[in-house]
């Protein structure tokens, strides 16, 4: 079992990284392999709705998104993490997720996922809602913790003082590991994901 932990901050080892490290610690204690994936701080082009990915299976912009999607195909679970900007996840992370989920949604289907946020003070629950919508549109089980998945602090050393936030991260990792083990057990006993219908209706009245 392997979980990808995606760092959507422009700072590789900032507050978002501190939160992910605590989730990662709990996962590794449960024997789950982990990999932190930093999406970088270079500009990313938005999805341009060219639909070429439907023909080629990958985004026409050959950058970190396609690199991530190849890893996602082999992963069993995901943690998407972001700092909060104006009560919203980072624009960089949303561009990254738009393109990854649109170009290869099958890489994520039926795999557990969770959102993690870091903030100086507020805006985490609104940001939490935005990221979770990617999961629910892609048939992904959403992993919960014992509070909303966020930590507080303007610097990593301040995050280290947010004991409840770090506890929430740790419990999230434990819950993710438990869900992955349940899914693995089900598969070993012949229980596989359903084949969902796909019907698109456009209302143009």
N, C-alpha and C. Protein backbone atom coordinates (compact mmCIF):
# COMPACT_ATOMS: atom_id res chain seq x y z
N UNK A 1 0.84 -1.19 0.00
CA UNK A 1 0.00 0.00 0.00
C UNK A 1 0.88 1.25 0.00
N UNK A 2 0.46 2.22 -0.81
CA UNK A 2 1.23 3.45 -0.89
C UNK A 2 0.31 4.66 -0.95
N UNK A 3 0.67 5.69 -0.18
CA UNK A 3 -0.08 6.94 -0.17
C UNK A 3 0.81 8.07 -0.67
N UNK A 4 0.29 8.85 -1.61
CA UNK A 4 0.97 10.04 -2.08
C UNK A 4 0.47 11.24 -1.28
N UNK A 5 1.39 12.02 -0.75
CA UNK A 5 1.05 13.22 0.01
C UNK A 5 1.49 14.43 -0.81
N UNK A 6 0.53 15.17 -1.34
CA UNK A 6 0.82 16.24 -2.29
C UNK A 6 0.90 17.57 -1.56
N UNK A 7 2.05 18.22 -1.68
CA UNK A 7 2.29 19.51 -1.05
C UNK A 7 2.00 20.62 -2.06
N UNK A 8 0.88 21.32 -1.87
CA UNK A 8 0.46 22.36 -2.80
C UNK A 8 0.92 23.75 -2.42
N UNK A 9 1.90 23.84 -1.53
CA UNK A 9 2.45 25.13 -1.13
C UNK A 9 3.59 25.53 -2.06
N UNK A 10 3.90 26.82 -2.10
CA UNK A 10 5.08 27.27 -2.85
C UNK A 10 6.35 27.11 -2.03
N UNK A 11 6.18 26.80 -0.75
CA UNK A 11 7.32 26.59 0.15
C UNK A 11 7.42 25.10 0.47
N UNK A 12 8.50 24.49 0.01
CA UNK A 12 8.63 23.03 0.11
C UNK A 12 8.62 22.54 1.55
N UNK A 13 9.18 23.32 2.47
CA UNK A 13 9.28 22.87 3.87
C UNK A 13 8.65 23.87 4.81
N UNK A 14 7.48 24.40 4.42
CA UNK A 14 6.76 25.35 5.24
C UNK A 14 5.73 24.67 6.14
N UNK A 15 4.68 25.39 6.47
CA UNK A 15 3.66 24.88 7.39
C UNK A 15 2.90 23.68 6.81
N UNK A 16 2.63 23.71 5.52
CA UNK A 16 1.92 22.60 4.88
C UNK A 16 2.73 21.32 4.98
N UNK A 17 4.03 21.44 4.76
CA UNK A 17 4.94 20.29 4.88
C UNK A 17 4.93 19.75 6.31
N UNK A 18 4.90 20.64 7.29
CA UNK A 18 4.89 20.21 8.70
C UNK A 18 3.65 19.37 9.00
N UNK A 19 2.51 19.78 8.45
CA UNK A 19 1.27 19.01 8.64
C UNK A 19 1.37 17.64 7.98
N UNK A 20 1.89 17.62 6.75
CA UNK A 20 2.00 16.35 6.02
C UNK A 20 2.94 15.38 6.72
N UNK A 21 3.98 15.89 7.34
CA UNK A 21 4.93 15.01 8.02
C UNK A 21 4.26 14.25 9.17
N UNK A 22 3.31 14.88 9.83
CA UNK A 22 2.62 14.21 10.93
C UNK A 22 1.66 13.14 10.40
N UNK A 23 0.98 13.40 9.29
CA UNK A 23 0.15 12.38 8.65
C UNK A 23 1.05 11.22 8.21
N UNK A 24 2.17 11.56 7.62
CA UNK A 24 3.10 10.55 7.13
C UNK A 24 3.63 9.66 8.25
N UNK A 25 3.91 10.26 9.39
CA UNK A 25 4.41 9.49 10.54
C UNK A 25 3.42 8.41 10.95
N UNK A 26 2.14 8.77 11.00
CA UNK A 26 1.12 7.80 11.39
C UNK A 26 0.97 6.69 10.35
N UNK A 27 1.02 7.06 9.08
CA UNK A 27 0.92 6.06 8.01
C UNK A 27 2.08 5.06 8.08
N UNK A 28 3.27 5.57 8.26
CA UNK A 28 4.43 4.70 8.30
C UNK A 28 4.41 3.78 9.51
N UNK A 29 3.87 4.25 10.63
CA UNK A 29 3.73 3.39 11.80
C UNK A 29 2.83 2.19 11.49
N UNK A 30 1.89 2.38 10.56
CA UNK A 30 0.96 1.31 10.19
C UNK A 30 1.47 0.47 9.01
N UNK A 31 2.71 0.70 8.62
CA UNK A 31 3.31 -0.09 7.54
C UNK A 31 2.92 0.35 6.14
N UNK A 32 2.40 1.57 6.02
CA UNK A 32 2.00 2.09 4.71
C UNK A 32 3.15 2.88 4.12
N UNK A 33 3.51 2.57 2.89
CA UNK A 33 4.56 3.31 2.19
C UNK A 33 4.04 4.71 1.84
N UNK A 34 4.91 5.69 1.93
CA UNK A 34 4.50 7.07 1.63
C UNK A 34 5.50 7.75 0.71
N UNK A 35 5.01 8.77 0.03
CA UNK A 35 5.88 9.64 -0.77
C UNK A 35 5.28 11.05 -0.76
N UNK A 36 6.09 12.02 -0.36
CA UNK A 36 5.65 13.40 -0.46
C UNK A 36 5.98 13.92 -1.85
N UNK A 37 4.98 14.55 -2.47
CA UNK A 37 5.14 15.07 -3.83
C UNK A 37 4.95 16.58 -3.78
N UNK A 38 6.03 17.32 -4.00
CA UNK A 38 6.00 18.78 -4.00
C UNK A 38 5.70 19.25 -5.42
N UNK A 39 4.62 20.00 -5.61
CA UNK A 39 4.24 20.38 -6.97
C UNK A 39 5.09 21.52 -7.51
N UNK A 40 5.95 22.08 -6.67
CA UNK A 40 6.87 23.11 -7.13
C UNK A 40 6.30 24.51 -7.01
N UNK A 41 7.16 25.48 -7.30
CA UNK A 41 6.72 26.87 -7.22
C UNK A 41 6.86 27.60 -8.55
N UNK A 42 6.96 26.84 -9.63
CA UNK A 42 6.94 27.44 -10.96
C UNK A 42 5.49 27.62 -11.41
N UNK A 43 5.28 28.57 -12.32
CA UNK A 43 3.93 28.80 -12.84
C UNK A 43 3.43 27.57 -13.59
N UNK A 44 2.15 27.25 -13.39
CA UNK A 44 1.53 26.12 -14.09
C UNK A 44 0.43 26.65 -15.01
N UNK A 45 0.38 26.19 -16.26
CA UNK A 45 -0.72 26.60 -17.13
C UNK A 45 -2.03 25.96 -16.68
N UNK A 46 -3.11 26.71 -16.79
CA UNK A 46 -4.43 26.18 -16.49
C UNK A 46 -4.87 25.18 -17.57
N UNK A 47 -5.85 24.37 -17.23
CA UNK A 47 -6.51 23.53 -18.23
C UNK A 47 -7.15 24.45 -19.26
N UNK A 48 -6.94 24.16 -20.55
CA UNK A 48 -7.50 25.00 -21.62
C UNK A 48 -8.67 24.30 -22.33
N UNK A 49 -9.16 23.22 -21.72
CA UNK A 49 -10.34 22.52 -22.24
C UNK A 49 -10.19 22.11 -23.70
N UNK A 50 -8.97 21.71 -24.08
CA UNK A 50 -8.74 21.29 -25.47
C UNK A 50 -9.20 19.85 -25.71
N UNK A 51 -9.35 19.10 -24.62
CA UNK A 51 -9.81 17.71 -24.65
C UNK A 51 -8.84 16.76 -25.36
N UNK A 52 -7.63 17.19 -25.62
CA UNK A 52 -6.65 16.31 -26.23
C UNK A 52 -6.30 15.14 -25.30
N UNK A 53 -6.44 15.36 -23.99
CA UNK A 53 -6.14 14.29 -23.04
C UNK A 53 -7.06 13.09 -23.23
N UNK A 54 -8.26 13.33 -23.77
CA UNK A 54 -9.19 12.23 -24.02
C UNK A 54 -8.72 11.35 -25.17
N UNK A 55 -7.86 11.91 -26.02
CA UNK A 55 -7.30 11.15 -27.14
C UNK A 55 -5.97 10.50 -26.78
N UNK A 56 -5.15 11.23 -26.00
CA UNK A 56 -3.79 10.76 -25.72
C UNK A 56 -3.61 10.12 -24.35
N UNK A 57 -4.53 10.41 -23.43
CA UNK A 57 -4.42 9.87 -22.08
C UNK A 57 -3.55 10.70 -21.16
N UNK A 58 -3.07 11.85 -21.64
CA UNK A 58 -2.28 12.72 -20.79
C UNK A 58 -2.48 14.17 -21.22
N UNK A 59 -2.15 15.08 -20.32
CA UNK A 59 -2.31 16.51 -20.61
C UNK A 59 -1.30 16.95 -21.67
N UNK A 60 -1.69 17.89 -22.53
CA UNK A 60 -0.77 18.36 -23.58
C UNK A 60 0.37 19.18 -23.02
N UNK A 61 0.21 19.71 -21.79
CA UNK A 61 1.30 20.42 -21.14
C UNK A 61 2.16 19.41 -20.39
N UNK A 62 3.34 19.16 -20.87
CA UNK A 62 4.18 18.12 -20.28
C UNK A 62 5.01 18.70 -19.15
N UNK A 63 4.45 18.61 -17.97
CA UNK A 63 5.11 19.18 -16.80
C UNK A 63 4.86 18.29 -15.59
N UNK A 64 4.88 18.88 -14.41
CA UNK A 64 4.77 18.13 -13.16
C UNK A 64 3.43 17.40 -13.03
N UNK A 65 2.39 17.87 -13.71
CA UNK A 65 1.08 17.21 -13.63
C UNK A 65 1.15 15.80 -14.21
N UNK A 66 1.71 15.67 -15.40
CA UNK A 66 1.81 14.34 -16.01
C UNK A 66 2.73 13.43 -15.21
N UNK A 67 3.79 14.00 -14.64
CA UNK A 67 4.67 13.21 -13.77
C UNK A 67 3.90 12.66 -12.58
N UNK A 68 3.07 13.49 -11.99
CA UNK A 68 2.27 13.07 -10.85
C UNK A 68 1.24 12.01 -11.24
N UNK A 69 0.56 12.19 -12.35
CA UNK A 69 -0.48 11.25 -12.77
C UNK A 69 0.08 9.84 -12.93
N UNK A 70 1.29 9.74 -13.45
CA UNK A 70 1.90 8.41 -13.59
C UNK A 70 2.10 7.76 -12.23
N UNK A 71 2.48 8.55 -11.24
CA UNK A 71 2.63 8.03 -9.88
C UNK A 71 1.25 7.69 -9.30
N UNK A 72 0.24 8.52 -9.61
CA UNK A 72 -1.10 8.32 -9.07
C UNK A 72 -1.70 7.00 -9.52
N UNK A 73 -1.38 6.58 -10.71
CA UNK A 73 -1.92 5.32 -11.24
C UNK A 73 -1.53 4.13 -10.37
N UNK A 74 -0.37 4.21 -9.72
CA UNK A 74 0.13 3.11 -8.90
C UNK A 74 -0.16 3.31 -7.41
N UNK A 75 -0.62 4.49 -7.03
CA UNK A 75 -0.86 4.78 -5.61
C UNK A 75 -2.20 4.21 -5.15
N UNK A 76 -2.33 4.03 -3.83
CA UNK A 76 -3.57 3.51 -3.25
C UNK A 76 -4.39 4.56 -2.53
N UNK A 77 -3.76 5.69 -2.18
CA UNK A 77 -4.48 6.74 -1.47
C UNK A 77 -3.75 8.07 -1.63
N UNK A 78 -4.45 9.15 -1.27
CA UNK A 78 -3.90 10.49 -1.50
C UNK A 78 -4.23 11.44 -0.34
N UNK A 79 -3.28 12.31 -0.04
CA UNK A 79 -3.51 13.45 0.83
C UNK A 79 -3.12 14.69 0.02
N UNK A 80 -4.08 15.57 -0.24
CA UNK A 80 -3.80 16.81 -0.94
C UNK A 80 -3.78 17.95 0.08
N UNK A 81 -2.65 18.65 0.16
CA UNK A 81 -2.49 19.67 1.19
C UNK A 81 -2.16 21.02 0.58
N UNK A 82 -2.64 22.08 1.26
CA UNK A 82 -2.45 23.42 0.75
C UNK A 82 -2.44 24.45 1.87
N UNK A 83 -1.70 25.53 1.69
CA UNK A 83 -1.90 26.69 2.56
C UNK A 83 -3.20 27.38 2.18
N UNK A 84 -3.70 28.22 3.05
CA UNK A 84 -4.93 28.96 2.78
C UNK A 84 -4.57 30.37 2.30
N UNK A 85 -5.11 30.72 1.13
CA UNK A 85 -4.96 32.08 0.58
C UNK A 85 -6.35 32.67 0.40
N UNK A 86 -6.68 33.73 1.13
CA UNK A 86 -7.98 34.37 1.00
C UNK A 86 -9.13 33.37 1.10
N UNK A 87 -9.08 32.53 2.15
CA UNK A 87 -10.11 31.52 2.42
C UNK A 87 -10.27 30.55 1.26
N UNK A 88 -9.14 30.21 0.61
CA UNK A 88 -9.17 29.32 -0.55
C UNK A 88 -7.84 28.58 -0.64
N UNK A 89 -7.83 27.36 -1.20
CA UNK A 89 -6.54 26.69 -1.42
C UNK A 89 -5.69 27.49 -2.40
N UNK A 90 -4.43 27.17 -2.48
CA UNK A 90 -3.55 27.87 -3.42
C UNK A 90 -4.03 27.67 -4.86
N UNK A 91 -3.95 28.72 -5.66
CA UNK A 91 -4.34 28.62 -7.06
C UNK A 91 -3.50 27.59 -7.80
N UNK A 92 -2.23 27.47 -7.39
CA UNK A 92 -1.33 26.49 -8.01
C UNK A 92 -1.85 25.07 -7.81
N UNK A 93 -2.29 24.76 -6.58
CA UNK A 93 -2.80 23.42 -6.33
C UNK A 93 -4.08 23.16 -7.11
N UNK A 94 -4.97 24.14 -7.20
CA UNK A 94 -6.23 23.93 -7.91
C UNK A 94 -5.99 23.74 -9.40
N UNK A 95 -5.07 24.48 -9.98
CA UNK A 95 -4.70 24.26 -11.38
C UNK A 95 -4.16 22.85 -11.56
N UNK A 96 -3.29 22.45 -10.64
CA UNK A 96 -2.69 21.10 -10.67
C UNK A 96 -3.78 20.03 -10.60
N UNK A 97 -4.73 20.20 -9.68
CA UNK A 97 -5.78 19.20 -9.53
C UNK A 97 -6.77 19.22 -10.69
N UNK A 98 -7.09 20.40 -11.21
CA UNK A 98 -7.96 20.49 -12.38
C UNK A 98 -7.42 19.63 -13.51
N UNK A 99 -6.18 19.82 -13.81
CA UNK A 99 -5.58 19.12 -14.95
C UNK A 99 -5.38 17.62 -14.67
N UNK A 100 -4.96 17.28 -13.46
CA UNK A 100 -4.74 15.87 -13.13
C UNK A 100 -6.05 15.09 -13.15
N UNK A 101 -7.07 15.62 -12.52
CA UNK A 101 -8.35 14.91 -12.43
C UNK A 101 -9.06 14.88 -13.78
N UNK A 102 -8.93 15.95 -14.57
CA UNK A 102 -9.61 15.97 -15.86
C UNK A 102 -8.93 15.06 -16.87
N UNK A 103 -7.60 15.05 -16.86
CA UNK A 103 -6.88 14.28 -17.87
C UNK A 103 -6.85 12.79 -17.57
N UNK A 104 -6.96 12.41 -16.28
CA UNK A 104 -6.87 10.99 -15.95
C UNK A 104 -7.61 10.68 -14.66
N UNK A 105 -8.92 10.90 -14.67
CA UNK A 105 -9.72 10.66 -13.48
C UNK A 105 -9.70 9.22 -13.01
N UNK A 106 -9.47 8.28 -13.94
CA UNK A 106 -9.47 6.86 -13.55
C UNK A 106 -8.31 6.52 -12.62
N UNK A 107 -7.28 7.35 -12.60
CA UNK A 107 -6.15 7.10 -11.69
C UNK A 107 -6.53 7.31 -10.24
N UNK A 108 -7.67 7.98 -10.00
CA UNK A 108 -8.09 8.34 -8.65
C UNK A 108 -9.34 7.58 -8.18
N UNK A 109 -10.10 7.03 -9.09
CA UNK A 109 -11.38 6.41 -8.73
C UNK A 109 -11.23 5.33 -7.66
N UNK A 110 -12.12 5.38 -6.67
CA UNK A 110 -12.24 4.38 -5.62
C UNK A 110 -11.03 4.31 -4.68
N UNK A 111 -10.16 5.31 -4.76
CA UNK A 111 -9.00 5.35 -3.87
C UNK A 111 -9.24 6.41 -2.78
N UNK A 112 -9.01 6.09 -1.52
CA UNK A 112 -9.28 7.04 -0.43
C UNK A 112 -8.43 8.31 -0.55
N UNK A 113 -9.01 9.42 -0.13
CA UNK A 113 -8.30 10.69 -0.20
C UNK A 113 -8.73 11.60 0.95
N UNK A 114 -7.89 12.57 1.23
CA UNK A 114 -8.21 13.56 2.26
C UNK A 114 -7.55 14.88 1.91
N UNK A 115 -8.16 15.96 2.38
CA UNK A 115 -7.60 17.30 2.23
C UNK A 115 -6.98 17.74 3.54
N UNK A 116 -5.87 18.45 3.46
CA UNK A 116 -5.20 19.02 4.63
C UNK A 116 -4.91 20.48 4.34
N UNK A 117 -5.18 21.36 5.30
CA UNK A 117 -4.95 22.80 5.13
C UNK A 117 -4.10 23.36 6.26
N UNK A 118 -3.32 24.38 5.92
CA UNK A 118 -2.60 25.13 6.95
C UNK A 118 -2.94 26.60 6.80
N UNK A 119 -3.11 27.28 7.92
CA UNK A 119 -3.48 28.69 7.88
C UNK A 119 -2.91 29.42 9.09
N UNK A 120 -2.72 30.71 8.93
CA UNK A 120 -2.31 31.52 10.06
C UNK A 120 -3.46 31.65 11.06
N UNK A 121 -4.70 31.82 10.51
CA UNK A 121 -5.81 32.05 11.42
C UNK A 121 -7.14 31.45 10.96
N UNK A 122 -7.57 31.71 9.71
CA UNK A 122 -8.91 31.29 9.30
C UNK A 122 -8.95 30.94 7.82
N UNK A 123 -10.12 30.49 7.37
CA UNK A 123 -10.32 30.14 5.97
C UNK A 123 -10.13 28.67 5.66
N UNK A 124 -9.83 27.88 6.68
CA UNK A 124 -9.53 26.47 6.43
C UNK A 124 -10.76 25.66 6.03
N UNK A 125 -11.90 25.89 6.65
CA UNK A 125 -13.06 25.06 6.35
C UNK A 125 -13.59 25.31 4.94
N UNK A 126 -13.53 26.56 4.48
CA UNK A 126 -13.94 26.84 3.10
C UNK A 126 -12.99 26.16 2.13
N UNK A 127 -11.70 26.19 2.42
CA UNK A 127 -10.70 25.55 1.56
C UNK A 127 -10.85 24.03 1.58
N UNK A 128 -11.15 23.50 2.75
CA UNK A 128 -11.39 22.07 2.93
C UNK A 128 -12.51 21.60 2.00
N UNK A 129 -13.58 22.38 1.94
CA UNK A 129 -14.72 22.05 1.10
C UNK A 129 -14.35 22.04 -0.38
N UNK A 130 -13.53 23.00 -0.81
CA UNK A 130 -13.14 23.08 -2.22
C UNK A 130 -12.39 21.83 -2.64
N UNK A 131 -11.40 21.41 -1.86
CA UNK A 131 -10.59 20.24 -2.25
C UNK A 131 -11.41 18.96 -2.20
N UNK A 132 -12.27 18.84 -1.20
CA UNK A 132 -13.07 17.61 -1.09
C UNK A 132 -13.98 17.39 -2.30
N UNK A 133 -14.36 18.45 -2.98
CA UNK A 133 -15.24 18.30 -4.14
C UNK A 133 -14.58 17.50 -5.26
N UNK A 134 -13.27 17.59 -5.38
CA UNK A 134 -12.58 16.77 -6.39
C UNK A 134 -12.79 15.28 -6.09
N UNK A 135 -12.76 14.93 -4.82
CA UNK A 135 -12.88 13.52 -4.45
C UNK A 135 -14.29 12.99 -4.69
N UNK A 136 -15.27 13.80 -4.32
CA UNK A 136 -16.64 13.30 -4.40
C UNK A 136 -17.15 13.20 -5.84
N UNK A 137 -16.52 13.91 -6.77
CA UNK A 137 -16.92 13.80 -8.17
C UNK A 137 -16.22 12.63 -8.85
N UNK A 138 -15.28 12.02 -8.14
CA UNK A 138 -14.46 10.97 -8.74
C UNK A 138 -14.58 9.65 -7.99
N UNK A 139 -15.69 9.45 -7.27
CA UNK A 139 -15.96 8.19 -6.56
C UNK A 139 -14.85 7.80 -5.59
N UNK A 140 -14.26 8.79 -4.93
CA UNK A 140 -13.19 8.52 -3.98
C UNK A 140 -13.72 8.56 -2.55
N UNK A 141 -13.50 7.52 -1.75
CA UNK A 141 -13.87 7.59 -0.34
C UNK A 141 -13.09 8.71 0.36
N UNK A 142 -13.79 9.55 1.09
CA UNK A 142 -13.15 10.67 1.78
C UNK A 142 -12.80 10.26 3.21
N UNK A 143 -11.53 10.35 3.55
CA UNK A 143 -11.06 9.95 4.87
C UNK A 143 -11.19 11.13 5.84
N UNK A 144 -11.78 10.86 6.99
CA UNK A 144 -11.97 11.89 8.01
C UNK A 144 -10.98 11.69 9.14
N UNK A 145 -10.97 12.65 10.07
CA UNK A 145 -10.14 12.55 11.26
C UNK A 145 -11.03 12.81 12.47
N UNK A 146 -10.47 13.43 13.50
CA UNK A 146 -11.22 13.71 14.72
C UNK A 146 -11.53 15.20 14.86
N UNK A 147 -11.22 15.96 13.82
CA UNK A 147 -11.60 17.37 13.70
C UNK A 147 -11.37 17.71 12.24
N UNK A 148 -11.67 18.95 11.83
CA UNK A 148 -11.35 19.32 10.46
C UNK A 148 -9.85 19.28 10.27
N UNK A 149 -9.43 18.88 9.08
CA UNK A 149 -8.01 18.59 8.83
C UNK A 149 -7.20 19.86 8.59
N UNK A 150 -6.90 20.59 9.65
CA UNK A 150 -6.09 21.78 9.47
C UNK A 150 -5.17 22.02 10.67
N UNK A 151 -4.10 22.76 10.38
CA UNK A 151 -3.18 23.20 11.42
C UNK A 151 -3.07 24.72 11.35
N UNK A 152 -2.70 25.31 12.48
CA UNK A 152 -2.53 26.76 12.55
C UNK A 152 -1.07 27.13 12.75
N UNK A 153 -0.67 28.23 12.11
CA UNK A 153 0.68 28.75 12.30
C UNK A 153 1.15 29.49 11.07
N UNK A 154 1.91 30.56 11.29
CA UNK A 154 2.48 31.31 10.17
C UNK A 154 3.85 30.77 9.79
N UNK A 155 4.47 29.99 10.69
CA UNK A 155 5.76 29.37 10.45
C UNK A 155 5.72 27.93 10.96
N UNK A 156 6.56 27.04 10.42
CA UNK A 156 6.54 25.64 10.87
C UNK A 156 6.70 25.46 12.38
N UNK A 157 7.52 26.32 13.01
CA UNK A 157 7.70 26.20 14.46
C UNK A 157 6.42 26.54 15.22
N UNK A 158 5.56 27.38 14.63
CA UNK A 158 4.27 27.66 15.25
C UNK A 158 3.31 26.49 15.06
N UNK A 159 3.39 25.83 13.92
CA UNK A 159 2.58 24.62 13.70
C UNK A 159 2.94 23.56 14.74
N UNK A 160 4.21 23.48 15.09
CA UNK A 160 4.66 22.51 16.09
C UNK A 160 4.00 22.73 17.45
N UNK A 161 3.51 23.95 17.69
CA UNK A 161 2.84 24.26 18.95
C UNK A 161 1.34 23.98 18.89
N UNK A 162 0.81 23.73 17.72
CA UNK A 162 -0.62 23.44 17.56
C UNK A 162 -0.85 21.96 17.83
N UNK A 163 -0.91 21.60 19.09
CA UNK A 163 -0.98 20.19 19.47
C UNK A 163 -2.26 19.52 18.97
N UNK A 164 -3.38 20.24 19.01
CA UNK A 164 -4.62 19.64 18.52
C UNK A 164 -4.56 19.45 17.01
N UNK A 165 -4.02 20.42 16.30
CA UNK A 165 -3.89 20.28 14.86
C UNK A 165 -3.02 19.09 14.49
N UNK A 166 -1.89 18.93 15.17
CA UNK A 166 -1.01 17.81 14.89
C UNK A 166 -1.66 16.48 15.26
N UNK A 167 -2.43 16.48 16.35
CA UNK A 167 -3.18 15.27 16.71
C UNK A 167 -4.15 14.90 15.59
N UNK A 168 -4.81 15.92 15.02
CA UNK A 168 -5.75 15.68 13.93
C UNK A 168 -5.04 15.08 12.73
N UNK A 169 -3.85 15.57 12.43
CA UNK A 169 -3.06 15.02 11.32
C UNK A 169 -2.68 13.56 11.58
N UNK A 170 -2.24 13.30 12.80
CA UNK A 170 -1.84 11.94 13.16
C UNK A 170 -3.02 10.99 13.07
N UNK A 171 -4.17 11.40 13.60
CA UNK A 171 -5.36 10.55 13.54
C UNK A 171 -5.82 10.34 12.10
N UNK A 172 -5.63 11.36 11.27
CA UNK A 172 -5.98 11.22 9.86
C UNK A 172 -5.14 10.12 9.21
N UNK A 173 -3.85 10.12 9.51
CA UNK A 173 -2.98 9.07 8.97
C UNK A 173 -3.41 7.69 9.42
N UNK A 174 -3.77 7.57 10.70
CA UNK A 174 -4.23 6.27 11.22
C UNK A 174 -5.53 5.83 10.53
N UNK A 175 -6.44 6.79 10.33
CA UNK A 175 -7.72 6.46 9.69
C UNK A 175 -7.52 6.08 8.23
N UNK A 176 -6.60 6.77 7.55
CA UNK A 176 -6.30 6.42 6.16
C UNK A 176 -5.74 5.00 6.08
N UNK A 177 -4.82 4.66 6.97
CA UNK A 177 -4.24 3.32 6.97
C UNK A 177 -5.30 2.27 7.21
N UNK A 178 -6.21 2.54 8.15
CA UNK A 178 -7.29 1.60 8.45
C UNK A 178 -8.19 1.39 7.23
N UNK A 179 -8.53 2.47 6.55
CA UNK A 179 -9.40 2.35 5.39
C UNK A 179 -8.71 1.57 4.26
N UNK A 180 -7.44 1.85 4.05
CA UNK A 180 -6.70 1.12 3.02
C UNK A 180 -6.64 -0.38 3.31
N UNK A 181 -6.46 -0.71 4.58
CA UNK A 181 -6.40 -2.12 4.95
C UNK A 181 -7.76 -2.79 4.77
N UNK A 182 -8.84 -2.07 5.07
CA UNK A 182 -10.19 -2.60 4.87
C UNK A 182 -10.46 -2.85 3.39
N UNK A 183 -10.06 -1.90 2.55
CA UNK A 183 -10.25 -2.06 1.10
C UNK A 183 -9.43 -3.23 0.59
N UNK A 184 -8.18 -3.34 1.06
CA UNK A 184 -7.33 -4.45 0.64
C UNK A 184 -7.91 -5.80 1.04
N UNK A 185 -8.46 -5.86 2.25
CA UNK A 185 -9.08 -7.10 2.72
C UNK A 185 -10.29 -7.46 1.87
N UNK A 186 -11.09 -6.46 1.54
CA UNK A 186 -12.25 -6.70 0.69
C UNK A 186 -11.85 -7.25 -0.68
N UNK A 187 -10.82 -6.66 -1.27
CA UNK A 187 -10.37 -7.12 -2.59
C UNK A 187 -9.89 -8.56 -2.55
N UNK A 188 -9.20 -8.90 -1.46
CA UNK A 188 -8.71 -10.28 -1.34
C UNK A 188 -9.85 -11.28 -1.20
N UNK A 189 -11.03 -10.80 -0.83
CA UNK A 189 -12.19 -11.67 -0.70
C UNK A 189 -13.19 -11.47 -1.85
N UNK A 190 -12.69 -10.90 -2.93
CA UNK A 190 -13.50 -10.79 -4.13
C UNK A 190 -14.46 -9.62 -4.18
N UNK A 191 -14.30 -8.66 -3.27
CA UNK A 191 -15.16 -7.48 -3.27
C UNK A 191 -14.47 -6.35 -4.03
N UNK A 192 -15.03 -5.99 -5.18
CA UNK A 192 -14.42 -4.99 -6.05
C UNK A 192 -15.33 -3.78 -6.22
N UNK A 193 -14.79 -2.65 -6.65
CA UNK A 193 -15.60 -1.44 -6.81
C UNK A 193 -16.72 -1.63 -7.82
N UNK A 194 -17.81 -0.89 -7.69
CA UNK A 194 -18.91 -0.99 -8.65
C UNK A 194 -18.53 -0.36 -9.98
N UNK A 195 -19.25 -0.71 -11.01
CA UNK A 195 -19.08 -0.07 -12.31
C UNK A 195 -20.17 0.98 -12.44
N UNK A 196 -19.81 2.22 -12.18
CA UNK A 196 -20.79 3.29 -12.19
C UNK A 196 -21.23 3.66 -13.60
N UNK A 197 -22.47 4.10 -13.72
CA UNK A 197 -22.96 4.62 -14.98
C UNK A 197 -22.38 6.01 -15.24
N UNK A 198 -22.34 6.39 -16.51
CA UNK A 198 -21.85 7.71 -16.88
C UNK A 198 -22.81 8.32 -17.89
N UNK A 199 -23.64 9.23 -17.42
CA UNK A 199 -24.59 9.92 -18.29
C UNK A 199 -24.39 11.42 -18.14
N UNK A 200 -24.21 12.12 -19.24
CA UNK A 200 -24.02 13.56 -19.23
C UNK A 200 -25.25 14.24 -19.84
N UNK A 201 -25.80 15.17 -19.12
CA UNK A 201 -26.98 15.90 -19.59
C UNK A 201 -26.69 17.39 -19.55
N UNK A 202 -26.86 18.06 -20.67
CA UNK A 202 -26.65 19.50 -20.76
C UNK A 202 -27.99 20.20 -20.84
N UNK A 203 -28.22 21.16 -19.93
CA UNK A 203 -29.46 21.90 -19.93
C UNK A 203 -29.23 23.24 -20.65
N UNK A 204 -29.82 23.38 -21.82
CA UNK A 204 -29.56 24.56 -22.65
C UNK A 204 -30.88 25.28 -23.03
N UNK A 205 -31.87 25.21 -22.15
CA UNK A 205 -33.14 25.85 -22.45
C UNK A 205 -33.04 27.36 -22.23
